[in-house]
Amino acid sequence: MSEELSLFRNMQQGDVSALEYFFQEYADLLYYRALGYVHHSQVAEDVVQEVFIRFWDNRAKLDISVSVAAYLTRSVVNGCRNYLEHRSVRNRYEQEFQSENSEIDEGEEFDSEELESLRKRLRAFVDSLPEKCREIFILACVEGLKYREVAERLDVSVNTVKTQVKSAYAKLRFDFDLKEREYIVILLFFEQLL
């Protein structure tokens, strides 16, 4: 057994110094790999940090028999892809809402009472979603988790997450008019008030 795999076995038994070794050995390499994907230093750091946190948290369940470096690299690449996929979907919905909202008269704005009423309706809308759809919508669209993170947390496929988010957005378009959706984007993506 290689020294690296031996250290990994120690880490599986709770040896923090083994985790520290892997971090010291691979963090920089993984950071630059992530940076090549996401082109943003803070995001690259976050992806690498999340990979090491999951590496430690899931250590007892992991079955690495060839290379820890290969496992970590694959995890970082997957983390970057998930980030980019989530950002792309989020940007697409924001752009769709913005293009729809560009047709709204600028004089149409909500006062604070109307905005509070909209918040209540939005909460009721979320509560009315089927249970799995609601869970996925809250994690992906309110809490901002990546689709793969939602899939892992709820033990469903990434495609299920995508389908349920799409379904929730279709219902949102049906239940709220154009003016309301402009403010819902703000509530969901910026204030996160659910």
N, C-alpha and C. Protein backbone atom coordinates (compact mmCIF):
# COMPACT_ATOMS: atom_id res chain seq x y z
N MET A 1 0.85 -1.19 0.00
CA MET A 1 0.00 0.00 0.00
C MET A 1 0.89 1.24 0.00
N SER A 2 0.55 2.23 -0.84
CA SER A 2 1.37 3.43 -0.91
C SER A 2 1.24 4.24 0.39
N GLU A 3 2.22 5.11 0.62
CA GLU A 3 2.21 5.94 1.83
C GLU A 3 0.95 6.82 1.85
N GLU A 4 0.55 7.32 0.67
CA GLU A 4 -0.62 8.18 0.59
C GLU A 4 -1.89 7.43 1.01
N LEU A 5 -2.04 6.21 0.51
CA LEU A 5 -3.23 5.43 0.87
C LEU A 5 -3.20 5.04 2.34
N SER A 6 -2.01 4.81 2.87
CA SER A 6 -1.88 4.52 4.29
C SER A 6 -2.32 5.73 5.12
N LEU A 7 -1.91 6.92 4.69
CA LEU A 7 -2.35 8.14 5.37
C LEU A 7 -3.87 8.31 5.27
N PHE A 8 -4.41 7.97 4.10
CA PHE A 8 -5.85 8.06 3.92
C PHE A 8 -6.58 7.14 4.90
N ARG A 9 -6.07 5.91 5.06
CA ARG A 9 -6.67 4.97 6.03
C ARG A 9 -6.61 5.57 7.44
N ASN A 10 -5.49 6.22 7.77
CA ASN A 10 -5.38 6.87 9.09
C ASN A 10 -6.43 7.97 9.23
N MET A 11 -6.61 8.74 8.15
CA MET A 11 -7.59 9.81 8.18
C MET A 11 -8.99 9.24 8.40
N GLN A 12 -9.27 8.09 7.78
CA GLN A 12 -10.58 7.47 7.96
C GLN A 12 -10.82 7.09 9.42
N GLN A 13 -9.73 6.89 10.15
CA GLN A 13 -9.84 6.56 11.58
C GLN A 13 -9.88 7.82 12.45
N GLY A 14 -9.87 9.00 11.80
CA GLY A 14 -9.99 10.24 12.55
C GLY A 14 -8.70 11.00 12.74
N ASP A 15 -7.64 10.62 12.03
CA ASP A 15 -6.35 11.29 12.17
C ASP A 15 -6.36 12.62 11.41
N VAL A 16 -6.49 13.72 12.16
CA VAL A 16 -6.57 15.05 11.55
C VAL A 16 -5.25 15.41 10.87
N SER A 17 -4.14 14.93 11.40
CA SER A 17 -2.84 15.27 10.79
C SER A 17 -2.75 14.73 9.37
N ALA A 18 -3.43 13.62 9.08
CA ALA A 18 -3.45 13.08 7.72
C ALA A 18 -4.21 14.03 6.80
N LEU A 19 -5.34 14.57 7.28
CA LEU A 19 -6.09 15.56 6.49
C LEU A 19 -5.21 16.78 6.24
N GLU A 20 -4.51 17.23 7.27
CA GLU A 20 -3.61 18.39 7.12
C GLU A 20 -2.54 18.12 6.07
N TYR A 21 -2.02 16.90 6.06
CA TYR A 21 -1.02 16.53 5.05
C TYR A 21 -1.60 16.69 3.65
N PHE A 22 -2.80 16.12 3.43
CA PHE A 22 -3.42 16.21 2.10
C PHE A 22 -3.69 17.67 1.72
N PHE A 23 -4.11 18.46 2.69
CA PHE A 23 -4.39 19.87 2.42
C PHE A 23 -3.10 20.58 2.00
N GLN A 24 -2.03 20.38 2.78
CA GLN A 24 -0.74 21.02 2.47
C GLN A 24 -0.22 20.56 1.12
N GLU A 25 -0.41 19.29 0.83
CA GLU A 25 0.13 18.71 -0.39
C GLU A 25 -0.62 19.14 -1.64
N TYR A 26 -1.96 19.29 -1.55
CA TYR A 26 -2.77 19.45 -2.76
C TYR A 26 -3.58 20.74 -2.88
N ALA A 27 -3.70 21.50 -1.80
CA ALA A 27 -4.60 22.67 -1.84
C ALA A 27 -4.23 23.64 -2.95
N ASP A 28 -2.95 23.97 -3.10
CA ASP A 28 -2.55 24.94 -4.13
C ASP A 28 -2.84 24.41 -5.53
N LEU A 29 -2.48 23.17 -5.76
CA LEU A 29 -2.73 22.56 -7.07
C LEU A 29 -4.22 22.56 -7.39
N LEU A 30 -5.03 22.20 -6.41
CA LEU A 30 -6.48 22.16 -6.61
C LEU A 30 -7.05 23.56 -6.82
N TYR A 31 -6.49 24.53 -6.10
CA TYR A 31 -6.95 25.92 -6.26
C TYR A 31 -6.74 26.37 -7.71
N TYR A 32 -5.56 26.12 -8.25
CA TYR A 32 -5.29 26.57 -9.63
C TYR A 32 -6.12 25.79 -10.65
N ARG A 33 -6.40 24.53 -10.33
CA ARG A 33 -7.28 23.76 -11.21
C ARG A 33 -8.68 24.38 -11.22
N ALA A 34 -9.17 24.72 -10.01
CA ALA A 34 -10.49 25.34 -9.90
C ALA A 34 -10.51 26.71 -10.58
N LEU A 35 -9.45 27.48 -10.38
CA LEU A 35 -9.38 28.82 -10.96
C LEU A 35 -9.47 28.75 -12.48
N GLY A 36 -8.87 27.72 -13.06
CA GLY A 36 -8.95 27.53 -14.52
C GLY A 36 -10.37 27.33 -15.00
N TYR A 37 -11.23 26.80 -14.13
CA TYR A 37 -12.63 26.58 -14.49
C TYR A 37 -13.49 27.80 -14.23
N VAL A 38 -13.38 28.36 -13.02
CA VAL A 38 -14.34 29.38 -12.61
C VAL A 38 -13.85 30.82 -12.82
N HIS A 39 -12.54 31.00 -13.01
CA HIS A 39 -11.96 32.32 -13.28
C HIS A 39 -12.29 33.36 -12.21
N HIS A 40 -12.37 32.90 -10.97
CA HIS A 40 -12.66 33.82 -9.86
C HIS A 40 -11.99 33.24 -8.62
N SER A 41 -11.05 34.00 -8.04
CA SER A 41 -10.21 33.45 -6.98
C SER A 41 -11.01 33.04 -5.75
N GLN A 42 -11.99 33.85 -5.33
CA GLN A 42 -12.76 33.52 -4.13
C GLN A 42 -13.60 32.27 -4.34
N VAL A 43 -14.19 32.16 -5.52
CA VAL A 43 -15.00 30.98 -5.82
C VAL A 43 -14.11 29.74 -5.84
N ALA A 44 -12.93 29.86 -6.46
CA ALA A 44 -11.99 28.73 -6.51
C ALA A 44 -11.61 28.29 -5.10
N GLU A 45 -11.31 29.26 -4.23
CA GLU A 45 -10.98 28.93 -2.83
C GLU A 45 -12.15 28.23 -2.15
N ASP A 46 -13.36 28.74 -2.37
CA ASP A 46 -14.55 28.15 -1.75
C ASP A 46 -14.77 26.71 -2.21
N VAL A 47 -14.58 26.47 -3.52
CA VAL A 47 -14.76 25.11 -4.06
C VAL A 47 -13.77 24.15 -3.40
N VAL A 48 -12.51 24.58 -3.32
CA VAL A 48 -11.48 23.71 -2.72
C VAL A 48 -11.79 23.47 -1.25
N GLN A 49 -12.19 24.50 -0.55
CA GLN A 49 -12.52 24.35 0.87
C GLN A 49 -13.68 23.37 1.05
N GLU A 50 -14.71 23.52 0.22
CA GLU A 50 -15.87 22.61 0.30
C GLU A 50 -15.46 21.17 0.03
N VAL A 51 -14.54 20.98 -0.93
CA VAL A 51 -14.08 19.63 -1.25
C VAL A 51 -13.38 19.01 -0.04
N PHE A 52 -12.52 19.78 0.62
CA PHE A 52 -11.82 19.24 1.79
C PHE A 52 -12.77 19.00 2.97
N ILE A 53 -13.76 19.86 3.12
CA ILE A 53 -14.75 19.64 4.19
C ILE A 53 -15.51 18.34 3.94
N ARG A 54 -15.97 18.14 2.69
CA ARG A 54 -16.68 16.90 2.37
C ARG A 54 -15.76 15.69 2.47
N PHE A 55 -14.49 15.86 2.08
CA PHE A 55 -13.49 14.80 2.16
C PHE A 55 -13.37 14.31 3.60
N TRP A 56 -13.34 15.26 4.53
CA TRP A 56 -13.24 14.91 5.95
C TRP A 56 -14.56 14.34 6.47
N ASP A 57 -15.65 15.03 6.17
CA ASP A 57 -16.96 14.60 6.70
C ASP A 57 -17.36 13.21 6.22
N ASN A 58 -16.99 12.88 4.97
CA ASN A 58 -17.40 11.60 4.38
C ASN A 58 -16.31 10.54 4.41
N ARG A 59 -15.24 10.80 5.16
CA ARG A 59 -14.05 9.94 5.13
C ARG A 59 -14.36 8.47 5.39
N ALA A 60 -15.28 8.21 6.31
CA ALA A 60 -15.56 6.81 6.67
C ALA A 60 -16.24 6.07 5.52
N LYS A 61 -16.96 6.80 4.66
CA LYS A 61 -17.71 6.16 3.58
C LYS A 61 -16.91 6.07 2.28
N LEU A 62 -15.81 6.82 2.19
CA LEU A 62 -15.06 6.88 0.93
C LEU A 62 -14.30 5.58 0.69
N ASP A 63 -14.23 5.20 -0.57
CA ASP A 63 -13.47 4.02 -0.97
C ASP A 63 -12.46 4.45 -2.02
N ILE A 64 -11.30 4.86 -1.54
CA ILE A 64 -10.22 5.30 -2.44
C ILE A 64 -9.15 4.23 -2.43
N SER A 65 -8.95 3.61 -3.58
CA SER A 65 -7.99 2.50 -3.62
C SER A 65 -6.81 2.78 -4.55
N VAL A 66 -6.87 3.89 -5.29
CA VAL A 66 -5.79 4.18 -6.24
C VAL A 66 -5.05 5.45 -5.88
N SER A 67 -5.74 6.59 -5.87
CA SER A 67 -5.05 7.86 -5.69
C SER A 67 -5.94 8.89 -5.00
N VAL A 68 -5.48 9.41 -3.88
CA VAL A 68 -6.19 10.48 -3.19
C VAL A 68 -6.19 11.74 -4.07
N ALA A 69 -5.05 12.01 -4.72
CA ALA A 69 -4.94 13.19 -5.58
C ALA A 69 -5.99 13.15 -6.69
N ALA A 70 -6.16 11.98 -7.31
CA ALA A 70 -7.14 11.86 -8.39
C ALA A 70 -8.56 12.09 -7.86
N TYR A 71 -8.84 11.55 -6.67
CA TYR A 71 -10.17 11.74 -6.07
C TYR A 71 -10.42 13.22 -5.81
N LEU A 72 -9.45 13.91 -5.19
CA LEU A 72 -9.61 15.33 -4.86
C LEU A 72 -9.75 16.18 -6.12
N THR A 73 -8.95 15.86 -7.13
CA THR A 73 -9.01 16.62 -8.39
C THR A 73 -10.38 16.45 -9.04
N ARG A 74 -10.88 15.22 -9.08
CA ARG A 74 -12.20 14.97 -9.67
C ARG A 74 -13.28 15.70 -8.88
N SER A 75 -13.14 15.71 -7.56
CA SER A 75 -14.12 16.40 -6.72
C SER A 75 -14.13 17.90 -7.00
N VAL A 76 -12.94 18.48 -7.17
CA VAL A 76 -12.84 19.92 -7.46
C VAL A 76 -13.45 20.23 -8.82
N VAL A 77 -13.14 19.42 -9.82
CA VAL A 77 -13.69 19.63 -11.16
C VAL A 77 -15.22 19.55 -11.11
N ASN A 78 -15.75 18.54 -10.40
CA ASN A 78 -17.20 18.42 -10.27
C ASN A 78 -17.79 19.62 -9.53
N GLY A 79 -17.11 20.08 -8.48
CA GLY A 79 -17.57 21.26 -7.74
C GLY A 79 -17.62 22.50 -8.62
N CYS A 80 -16.61 22.66 -9.46
CA CYS A 80 -16.58 23.80 -10.39
C CYS A 80 -17.70 23.71 -11.41
N ARG A 81 -17.91 22.51 -11.93
CA ARG A 81 -18.99 22.33 -12.92
C ARG A 81 -20.35 22.64 -12.29
N ASN A 82 -20.54 22.17 -11.06
CA ASN A 82 -21.80 22.45 -10.37
C ASN A 82 -22.00 23.94 -10.17
N TYR A 83 -20.94 24.62 -9.76
CA TYR A 83 -21.01 26.07 -9.55
C TYR A 83 -21.39 26.76 -10.85
N LEU A 84 -20.70 26.41 -11.94
CA LEU A 84 -20.95 27.07 -13.23
C LEU A 84 -22.36 26.76 -13.73
N GLU A 85 -22.82 25.53 -13.53
CA GLU A 85 -24.16 25.15 -13.96
C GLU A 85 -25.21 25.94 -13.17
N HIS A 86 -25.02 26.03 -11.86
CA HIS A 86 -25.97 26.76 -11.03
C HIS A 86 -25.98 28.24 -11.40
N ARG A 87 -24.78 28.81 -11.60
CA ARG A 87 -24.69 30.23 -11.95
C ARG A 87 -25.36 30.48 -13.31
N SER A 88 -25.15 29.56 -14.23
CA SER A 88 -25.73 29.71 -15.56
C SER A 88 -27.25 29.70 -15.49
N VAL A 89 -27.81 28.74 -14.74
CA VAL A 89 -29.27 28.66 -14.61
C VAL A 89 -29.80 29.91 -13.93
N ARG A 90 -29.13 30.32 -12.87
CA ARG A 90 -29.57 31.50 -12.12
C ARG A 90 -29.52 32.75 -13.01
N ASN A 91 -28.42 32.90 -13.75
CA ASN A 91 -28.29 34.05 -14.66
C ASN A 91 -29.38 34.03 -15.73
N ARG A 92 -29.66 32.82 -16.24
CA ARG A 92 -30.68 32.73 -17.28
C ARG A 92 -32.04 33.18 -16.76
N TYR A 93 -32.41 32.73 -15.57
CA TYR A 93 -33.70 33.14 -15.01
C TYR A 93 -33.71 34.64 -14.71
N GLU A 94 -32.60 35.16 -14.18
CA GLU A 94 -32.54 36.59 -13.91
C GLU A 94 -32.70 37.38 -15.21
N GLN A 95 -32.02 36.92 -16.28
CA GLN A 95 -32.13 37.63 -17.56
C GLN A 95 -33.54 37.55 -18.13
N GLU A 96 -34.17 36.36 -17.98
CA GLU A 96 -35.55 36.23 -18.47
C GLU A 96 -36.48 37.18 -17.74
N PHE A 97 -36.32 37.22 -16.41
CA PHE A 97 -37.16 38.13 -15.62
C PHE A 97 -36.88 39.58 -16.00
N GLN A 98 -35.60 39.92 -16.18
CA GLN A 98 -35.26 41.30 -16.50
C GLN A 98 -35.79 41.69 -17.88
N SER A 99 -35.70 40.76 -18.84
CA SER A 99 -36.20 41.10 -20.17
C SER A 99 -37.72 41.26 -20.14
N GLU A 100 -38.40 40.42 -19.36
CA GLU A 100 -39.85 40.58 -19.21
C GLU A 100 -40.16 41.91 -18.52
N ASN A 101 -39.35 42.22 -17.51
CA ASN A 101 -39.61 43.41 -16.70
C ASN A 101 -39.26 44.70 -17.42
N SER A 102 -38.48 44.62 -18.48
CA SER A 102 -38.14 45.83 -19.22
C SER A 102 -39.38 46.42 -19.88
N GLU A 103 -40.44 45.59 -19.99
CA GLU A 103 -41.68 46.06 -20.59
C GLU A 103 -42.57 46.78 -19.59
N ILE A 104 -42.21 46.74 -18.32
CA ILE A 104 -43.04 47.35 -17.28
C ILE A 104 -42.84 48.86 -17.27
N ASP A 105 -43.91 49.59 -17.08
CA ASP A 105 -43.79 51.03 -16.95
C ASP A 105 -42.95 51.36 -15.72
N GLU A 106 -42.04 52.33 -15.88
CA GLU A 106 -41.18 52.66 -14.76
C GLU A 106 -41.94 53.25 -13.59
N GLY A 107 -43.12 53.78 -13.84
CA GLY A 107 -43.89 54.36 -12.76
C GLY A 107 -44.52 53.33 -11.83
N GLU A 108 -44.54 52.08 -12.26
CA GLU A 108 -45.18 51.04 -11.46
C GLU A 108 -44.20 50.51 -10.42
N GLU A 109 -44.38 50.90 -9.19
CA GLU A 109 -43.54 50.40 -8.11
C GLU A 109 -44.42 49.99 -6.95
N PHE A 110 -43.91 49.05 -6.15
CA PHE A 110 -44.63 48.60 -4.97
C PHE A 110 -44.36 49.54 -3.81
N ASP A 111 -45.40 49.83 -3.05
CA ASP A 111 -45.14 50.51 -1.78
C ASP A 111 -44.88 49.42 -0.73
N SER A 112 -44.53 49.82 0.49
CA SER A 112 -44.12 48.85 1.50
C SER A 112 -45.24 47.87 1.85
N GLU A 113 -46.48 48.35 1.84
CA GLU A 113 -47.62 47.48 2.15
C GLU A 113 -47.80 46.41 1.07
N GLU A 114 -47.69 46.84 -0.19
CA GLU A 114 -47.82 45.90 -1.30
C GLU A 114 -46.67 44.89 -1.29
N LEU A 115 -45.49 45.36 -0.94
CA LEU A 115 -44.32 44.49 -0.89
C LEU A 115 -44.48 43.43 0.20
N GLU A 116 -45.01 43.82 1.35
CA GLU A 116 -45.24 42.86 2.44
C GLU A 116 -46.30 41.84 2.02
N SER A 117 -47.33 42.30 1.32
CA SER A 117 -48.36 41.40 0.81
C SER A 117 -47.75 40.40 -0.18
N LEU A 118 -46.85 40.90 -1.02
CA LEU A 118 -46.19 40.02 -1.99
C LEU A 118 -45.32 38.99 -1.27
N ARG A 119 -44.62 39.41 -0.22
CA ARG A 119 -43.81 38.46 0.57
C ARG A 119 -44.69 37.33 1.11
N LYS A 120 -45.86 37.70 1.63
CA LYS A 120 -46.78 36.68 2.18
C LYS A 120 -47.27 35.74 1.08
N ARG A 121 -47.62 36.30 -0.06
CA ARG A 121 -48.07 35.47 -1.18
C ARG A 121 -46.95 34.55 -1.67
N LEU A 122 -45.72 35.07 -1.66
CA LEU A 122 -44.58 34.27 -2.08
C LEU A 122 -44.36 33.10 -1.12
N ARG A 123 -44.48 33.38 0.18
CA ARG A 123 -44.35 32.30 1.17
C ARG A 123 -45.46 31.27 0.97
N ALA A 124 -46.69 31.75 0.73
CA ALA A 124 -47.81 30.84 0.49
C ALA A 124 -47.58 30.02 -0.78
N PHE A 125 -47.03 30.68 -1.81
CA PHE A 125 -46.71 29.98 -3.06
C PHE A 125 -45.73 28.84 -2.79
N VAL A 126 -44.67 29.14 -2.04
CA VAL A 126 -43.66 28.11 -1.74
C VAL A 126 -44.29 26.98 -0.93
N ASP A 127 -45.13 27.35 0.05
CA ASP A 127 -45.80 26.33 0.87
C ASP A 127 -46.74 25.46 0.05
N SER A 128 -47.27 26.01 -1.05
CA SER A 128 -48.23 25.26 -1.87
C SER A 128 -47.56 24.27 -2.82
N LEU A 129 -46.25 24.38 -3.00
CA LEU A 129 -45.56 23.46 -3.90
C LEU A 129 -45.59 22.05 -3.32
N PRO A 130 -45.61 21.02 -4.18
CA PRO A 130 -45.49 19.65 -3.65
C PRO A 130 -44.21 19.54 -2.81
N GLU A 131 -44.24 18.64 -1.84
CA GLU A 131 -43.17 18.60 -0.83
C GLU A 131 -41.77 18.55 -1.43
N LYS A 132 -41.51 17.62 -2.36
CA LYS A 132 -40.17 17.47 -2.93
C LYS A 132 -39.79 18.72 -3.73
N CYS A 133 -40.75 19.22 -4.49
CA CYS A 133 -40.52 20.43 -5.29
C CYS A 133 -40.19 21.60 -4.37
N ARG A 134 -40.94 21.71 -3.26
CA ARG A 134 -40.71 22.80 -2.30
C ARG A 134 -39.32 22.70 -1.69
N GLU A 135 -38.93 21.50 -1.26
CA GLU A 135 -37.59 21.32 -0.67
C GLU A 135 -36.50 21.75 -1.65
N ILE A 136 -36.64 21.29 -2.89
CA ILE A 136 -35.64 21.59 -3.92
C ILE A 136 -35.63 23.08 -4.23
N PHE A 137 -36.81 23.68 -4.38
CA PHE A 137 -36.89 25.10 -4.69
C PHE A 137 -36.23 25.95 -3.60
N ILE A 138 -36.49 25.62 -2.35
CA ILE A 138 -35.90 26.39 -1.24
C ILE A 138 -34.39 26.24 -1.23
N LEU A 139 -33.89 25.02 -1.37
CA LEU A 139 -32.43 24.81 -1.32
C LEU A 139 -31.73 25.46 -2.52
N ALA A 140 -32.31 25.29 -3.71
CA ALA A 140 -31.64 25.79 -4.92
C ALA A 140 -31.86 27.27 -5.16
N CYS A 141 -33.08 27.75 -4.95
CA CYS A 141 -33.41 29.11 -5.36
C CYS A 141 -33.43 30.11 -4.22
N VAL A 142 -33.69 29.65 -3.02
CA VAL A 142 -33.71 30.57 -1.88
C VAL A 142 -32.36 30.55 -1.16
N GLU A 143 -31.87 29.33 -0.86
CA GLU A 143 -30.59 29.23 -0.17
C GLU A 143 -29.41 29.28 -1.11
N GLY A 144 -29.65 29.08 -2.41
CA GLY A 144 -28.59 29.24 -3.40
C GLY A 144 -27.62 28.07 -3.49
N LEU A 145 -28.02 26.88 -3.06
CA LEU A 145 -27.13 25.72 -3.18
C LEU A 145 -26.99 25.32 -4.64
N LYS A 146 -25.88 24.72 -4.97
CA LYS A 146 -25.66 24.20 -6.31
C LYS A 146 -26.57 22.99 -6.51
N TYR A 147 -26.93 22.74 -7.76
CA TYR A 147 -27.84 21.64 -8.04
C TYR A 147 -27.31 20.31 -7.51
N ARG A 148 -26.01 20.07 -7.69
CA ARG A 148 -25.44 18.80 -7.21
C ARG A 148 -25.52 18.71 -5.69
N GLU A 149 -25.30 19.85 -5.01
CA GLU A 149 -25.41 19.85 -3.54
C GLU A 149 -26.84 19.52 -3.11
N VAL A 150 -27.81 20.09 -3.81
CA VAL A 150 -29.21 19.79 -3.51
C VAL A 150 -29.48 18.30 -3.74
N ALA A 151 -28.98 17.80 -4.87
CA ALA A 151 -29.18 16.38 -5.21
C ALA A 151 -28.60 15.48 -4.13
N GLU A 152 -27.38 15.80 -3.69
CA GLU A 152 -26.73 14.98 -2.65
C GLU A 152 -27.48 15.07 -1.33
N ARG A 153 -27.89 16.27 -0.97
CA ARG A 153 -28.56 16.46 0.32
C ARG A 153 -29.89 15.71 0.36
N LEU A 154 -30.62 15.71 -0.77
CA LEU A 154 -31.95 15.10 -0.79
C LEU A 154 -31.95 13.68 -1.38
N ASP A 155 -30.75 13.22 -1.78
CA ASP A 155 -30.60 11.88 -2.36
C ASP A 155 -31.49 11.70 -3.58
N VAL A 156 -31.39 12.67 -4.50
CA VAL A 156 -32.09 12.60 -5.78
C VAL A 156 -31.08 12.91 -6.88
N SER A 157 -31.46 12.73 -8.13
CA SER A 157 -30.54 13.02 -9.24
C SER A 157 -30.52 14.52 -9.53
N VAL A 158 -29.45 14.97 -10.17
CA VAL A 158 -29.35 16.37 -10.58
C VAL A 158 -30.47 16.70 -11.56
N ASN A 159 -30.84 15.75 -12.42
CA ASN A 159 -31.94 15.98 -13.36
C ASN A 159 -33.25 16.20 -12.64
N THR A 160 -33.47 15.49 -11.54
CA THR A 160 -34.68 15.70 -10.74
C THR A 160 -34.70 17.12 -10.21
N VAL A 161 -33.54 17.59 -9.72
CA VAL A 161 -33.45 18.96 -9.20
C VAL A 161 -33.81 19.95 -10.30
N LYS A 162 -33.21 19.78 -11.48
CA LYS A 162 -33.46 20.70 -12.60
C LYS A 162 -34.96 20.70 -12.96
N THR A 163 -35.55 19.52 -13.04
CA THR A 163 -36.95 19.40 -13.43
C THR A 163 -37.86 20.09 -12.41
N GLN A 164 -37.57 19.87 -11.13
CA GLN A 164 -38.42 20.46 -10.09
C GLN A 164 -38.28 21.99 -10.04
N VAL A 165 -37.06 22.49 -10.24
CA VAL A 165 -36.86 23.95 -10.26
C VAL A 165 -37.62 24.54 -11.45
N LYS A 166 -37.51 23.89 -12.59
CA LYS A 166 -38.22 24.37 -13.79
C LYS A 166 -39.73 24.37 -13.55
N SER A 167 -40.22 23.32 -12.91
CA SER A 167 -41.65 23.22 -12.61
C SER A 167 -42.09 24.35 -11.67
N ALA A 168 -41.27 24.61 -10.64
CA ALA A 168 -41.60 25.68 -9.68
C ALA A 168 -41.64 27.03 -10.39
N TYR A 169 -40.67 27.28 -11.28
CA TYR A 169 -40.65 28.55 -11.99
C TYR A 169 -41.83 28.69 -12.94
N ALA A 170 -42.25 27.58 -13.54
CA ALA A 170 -43.42 27.64 -14.43
C ALA A 170 -44.67 28.03 -13.62
N LYS A 171 -44.81 27.45 -12.44
CA LYS A 171 -45.95 27.77 -11.57
C LYS A 171 -45.85 29.22 -11.10
N LEU A 172 -44.64 29.67 -10.81
CA LEU A 172 -44.41 31.05 -10.37
C LEU A 172 -44.89 32.03 -11.45
N ARG A 173 -44.54 31.72 -12.69
CA ARG A 173 -44.96 32.59 -13.81
C ARG A 173 -46.48 32.62 -13.93
N PHE A 174 -47.11 31.50 -13.64
CA PHE A 174 -48.57 31.41 -13.75
C PHE A 174 -49.26 32.16 -12.61
N ASP A 175 -48.68 32.08 -11.40
CA ASP A 175 -49.33 32.64 -10.20
C ASP A 175 -49.08 34.13 -9.99
N PHE A 176 -48.04 34.68 -10.61
CA PHE A 176 -47.67 36.08 -10.37
C PHE A 176 -47.57 36.82 -11.70
N ASP A 177 -48.02 38.07 -11.68
CA ASP A 177 -47.93 38.85 -12.91
C ASP A 177 -46.52 39.41 -13.09
N LEU A 178 -46.35 40.09 -14.21
CA LEU A 178 -45.03 40.59 -14.60
C LEU A 178 -44.43 41.52 -13.55
N LYS A 179 -45.23 42.45 -13.09
CA LYS A 179 -44.76 43.42 -12.10
C LYS A 179 -44.34 42.71 -10.81
N GLU A 180 -45.13 41.74 -10.38
CA GLU A 180 -44.82 41.01 -9.15
C GLU A 180 -43.53 40.20 -9.30
N ARG A 181 -43.34 39.61 -10.47
CA ARG A 181 -42.13 38.78 -10.68
C ARG A 181 -40.86 39.62 -10.61
N GLU A 182 -40.94 40.88 -11.00
CA GLU A 182 -39.78 41.77 -10.89
C GLU A 182 -39.31 41.83 -9.44
N TYR A 183 -40.25 41.96 -8.53
CA TYR A 183 -39.91 42.07 -7.12
C TYR A 183 -39.58 40.71 -6.50
N ILE A 184 -40.18 39.67 -7.02
CA ILE A 184 -39.86 38.33 -6.53
C ILE A 184 -38.40 38.00 -6.78
N VAL A 185 -37.87 38.39 -7.93
CA VAL A 185 -36.45 38.19 -8.20
C VAL A 185 -35.61 38.82 -7.10
N ILE A 186 -35.98 40.03 -6.72
CA ILE A 186 -35.24 40.72 -5.65
C ILE A 186 -35.38 39.95 -4.34
N LEU A 187 -36.59 39.53 -4.02
CA LEU A 187 -36.82 38.81 -2.76
C LEU A 187 -36.05 37.50 -2.72
N LEU A 188 -36.09 36.75 -3.82
CA LEU A 188 -35.43 35.45 -3.84
C LEU A 188 -33.92 35.55 -3.93
N PHE A 189 -33.43 36.37 -4.85
CA PHE A 189 -32.00 36.35 -5.14
C PHE A 189 -31.19 37.31 -4.29
N PHE A 190 -31.82 38.34 -3.77
CA PHE A 190 -31.03 39.34 -3.06
C PHE A 190 -31.36 39.44 -1.58
N GLU A 191 -32.63 39.56 -1.26
CA GLU A 191 -32.99 39.67 0.15
C GLU A 191 -33.13 38.31 0.82
N GLN A 192 -33.49 37.29 0.07
CA GLN A 192 -33.69 35.93 0.60
C GLN A 192 -34.56 35.95 1.85
N LEU A 193 -35.77 36.42 1.67
CA LEU A 193 -36.63 36.66 2.82
C LEU A 193 -37.62 35.54 3.13
N LEU A 194 -37.50 34.42 2.47
CA LEU A 194 -38.44 33.33 2.80
C LEU A 194 -38.10 32.72 4.13
